[in-house]
Amino acid sequence: MEWKIDPDEYQAIAKMIHSSSSPVGIDAKKTHVLILKKLMDIEKRLINLEGEKT
């Protein structure tokens, strides 16, 4: 299974998490916050979907 992402979306995300002051080039805290926010959004959507089924 290959994971694909639109190049424009990739660049937008890369720009959001970039950090010139980090040795690895990204802001780890910002990256983790974005990931956790997306996971919380997914969780809310799943809860809503499960509620619609009952």
N, C-alpha and C. Protein backbone atom coordinates (compact mmCIF):
# COMPACT_ATOMS: atom_id res chain seq x y z
N MET A 1 0.85 -1.18 0.00
CA MET A 1 0.00 0.00 0.00
C MET A 1 0.90 1.25 0.00
N GLU A 2 0.67 2.08 -0.96
CA GLU A 2 1.47 3.30 -1.07
C GLU A 2 0.64 4.49 -0.59
N TRP A 3 1.26 5.32 0.22
CA TRP A 3 0.60 6.51 0.75
C TRP A 3 0.91 7.68 -0.15
N LYS A 4 -0.13 8.36 -0.63
CA LYS A 4 0.08 9.49 -1.52
C LYS A 4 -0.55 10.74 -0.93
N ILE A 5 0.07 11.85 -1.19
CA ILE A 5 -0.44 13.14 -0.74
C ILE A 5 -0.23 14.15 -1.88
N ASP A 6 -1.20 15.01 -2.04
CA ASP A 6 -1.11 16.04 -3.05
C ASP A 6 0.14 16.89 -2.78
N PRO A 7 0.95 17.16 -3.80
CA PRO A 7 2.19 17.92 -3.60
C PRO A 7 1.96 19.31 -2.97
N ASP A 8 0.88 19.97 -3.34
CA ASP A 8 0.58 21.29 -2.75
C ASP A 8 0.25 21.17 -1.27
N GLU A 9 -0.51 20.12 -0.92
CA GLU A 9 -0.85 19.88 0.49
C GLU A 9 0.42 19.53 1.28
N TYR A 10 1.27 18.72 0.67
CA TYR A 10 2.54 18.35 1.30
C TYR A 10 3.37 19.60 1.62
N GLN A 11 3.49 20.49 0.63
CA GLN A 11 4.27 21.71 0.82
C GLN A 11 3.66 22.61 1.89
N ALA A 12 2.33 22.68 1.94
CA ALA A 12 1.66 23.51 2.95
C ALA A 12 1.95 22.98 4.35
N ILE A 13 1.88 21.67 4.51
CA ILE A 13 2.16 21.06 5.81
C ILE A 13 3.64 21.24 6.17
N ALA A 14 4.52 21.00 5.21
CA ALA A 14 5.95 21.16 5.45
C ALA A 14 6.28 22.59 5.89
N LYS A 15 5.63 23.55 5.25
CA LYS A 15 5.85 24.95 5.60
C LYS A 15 5.36 25.25 7.02
N MET A 16 4.22 24.64 7.41
CA MET A 16 3.68 24.86 8.76
C MET A 16 4.60 24.35 9.85
N ILE A 17 5.24 23.20 9.62
CA ILE A 17 6.03 22.58 10.68
C ILE A 17 7.52 22.89 10.60
N HIS A 18 7.94 23.62 9.56
CA HIS A 18 9.37 23.94 9.38
C HIS A 18 9.91 24.79 10.53
N SER A 19 11.14 24.51 10.88
CA SER A 19 11.83 25.31 11.89
C SER A 19 13.32 25.40 11.53
N SER A 20 13.78 26.60 11.31
CA SER A 20 15.19 26.80 10.98
C SER A 20 16.10 26.56 12.19
N SER A 21 15.53 26.72 13.39
CA SER A 21 16.34 26.57 14.60
C SER A 21 16.44 25.12 15.08
N SER A 22 15.73 24.21 14.43
CA SER A 22 15.76 22.81 14.84
C SER A 22 16.82 22.05 14.03
N PRO A 23 17.57 21.16 14.68
CA PRO A 23 18.58 20.39 13.95
C PRO A 23 17.97 19.46 12.89
N VAL A 24 16.70 19.08 13.06
CA VAL A 24 16.06 18.20 12.08
C VAL A 24 15.16 18.97 11.10
N GLY A 25 15.06 20.28 11.29
CA GLY A 25 14.33 21.11 10.35
C GLY A 25 12.85 21.26 10.58
N ILE A 26 12.34 20.64 11.66
CA ILE A 26 10.91 20.80 11.97
C ILE A 26 10.74 21.16 13.43
N ASP A 27 9.61 21.79 13.72
CA ASP A 27 9.24 22.12 15.09
C ASP A 27 8.45 20.92 15.63
N ALA A 28 9.10 20.13 16.47
CA ALA A 28 8.50 18.89 16.97
C ALA A 28 7.21 19.15 17.76
N LYS A 29 7.20 20.18 18.59
CA LYS A 29 6.01 20.46 19.39
C LYS A 29 4.83 20.81 18.48
N LYS A 30 5.07 21.68 17.51
CA LYS A 30 4.02 22.09 16.58
C LYS A 30 3.52 20.88 15.78
N THR A 31 4.46 20.02 15.37
CA THR A 31 4.10 18.83 14.62
C THR A 31 3.20 17.92 15.44
N HIS A 32 3.56 17.69 16.69
CA HIS A 32 2.75 16.83 17.56
C HIS A 32 1.38 17.44 17.84
N VAL A 33 1.33 18.74 18.03
CA VAL A 33 0.04 19.40 18.27
C VAL A 33 -0.86 19.23 17.04
N LEU A 34 -0.32 19.42 15.85
CA LEU A 34 -1.11 19.24 14.63
C LEU A 34 -1.62 17.81 14.50
N ILE A 35 -0.77 16.84 14.79
CA ILE A 35 -1.18 15.43 14.72
C ILE A 35 -2.28 15.14 15.73
N LEU A 36 -2.09 15.59 16.95
CA LEU A 36 -3.09 15.34 17.99
C LEU A 36 -4.41 16.03 17.67
N LYS A 37 -4.36 17.23 17.12
CA LYS A 37 -5.57 17.95 16.73
C LYS A 37 -6.33 17.16 15.66
N LYS A 38 -5.62 16.66 14.66
CA LYS A 38 -6.27 15.86 13.61
C LYS A 38 -6.88 14.59 14.19
N LEU A 39 -6.18 13.94 15.10
CA LEU A 39 -6.72 12.73 15.73
C LEU A 39 -7.98 13.04 16.53
N MET A 40 -8.00 14.17 17.22
CA MET A 40 -9.19 14.56 17.97
C MET A 40 -10.35 14.85 17.03
N ASP A 41 -10.06 15.49 15.89
CA ASP A 41 -11.10 15.74 14.89
C ASP A 41 -11.68 14.43 14.37
N ILE A 42 -10.81 13.47 14.09
CA ILE A 42 -11.26 12.16 13.61
C ILE A 42 -12.11 11.47 14.66
N GLU A 43 -11.68 11.54 15.92
CA GLU A 43 -12.43 10.92 17.00
C GLU A 43 -13.84 11.51 17.09
N LYS A 44 -13.95 12.83 17.00
CA LYS A 44 -15.26 13.48 17.05
C LYS A 44 -16.14 13.02 15.90
N ARG A 45 -15.56 12.93 14.72
CA ARG A 45 -16.33 12.48 13.56
C ARG A 45 -16.81 11.05 13.74
N LEU A 46 -15.96 10.18 14.28
CA LEU A 46 -16.37 8.80 14.53
C LEU A 46 -17.49 8.72 15.56
N ILE A 47 -17.38 9.52 16.61
CA ILE A 47 -18.44 9.54 17.63
C ILE A 47 -19.76 9.97 17.00
N ASN A 48 -19.70 11.00 16.15
CA ASN A 48 -20.91 11.47 15.47
C ASN A 48 -21.48 10.39 14.55
N LEU A 49 -20.63 9.72 13.81
CA LEU A 49 -21.08 8.66 12.92
C LEU A 49 -21.70 7.51 13.70
N GLU A 50 -21.08 7.12 14.80
CA GLU A 50 -21.63 6.04 15.62
C GLU A 50 -22.97 6.45 16.21
N GLY A 51 -23.12 7.72 16.57
CA GLY A 51 -24.38 8.21 17.10
C GLY A 51 -25.48 8.18 16.06
N GLU A 52 -25.15 8.40 14.81
CA GLU A 52 -26.12 8.39 13.73
C GLU A 52 -26.63 6.98 13.45
N LYS A 53 -25.81 5.96 13.74
CA LYS A 53 -26.20 4.58 13.47
C LYS A 53 -27.21 4.04 14.48
N THR A 54 -27.24 4.64 15.66
CA THR A 54 -28.15 4.12 16.69
C THR A 54 -29.50 4.76 16.63
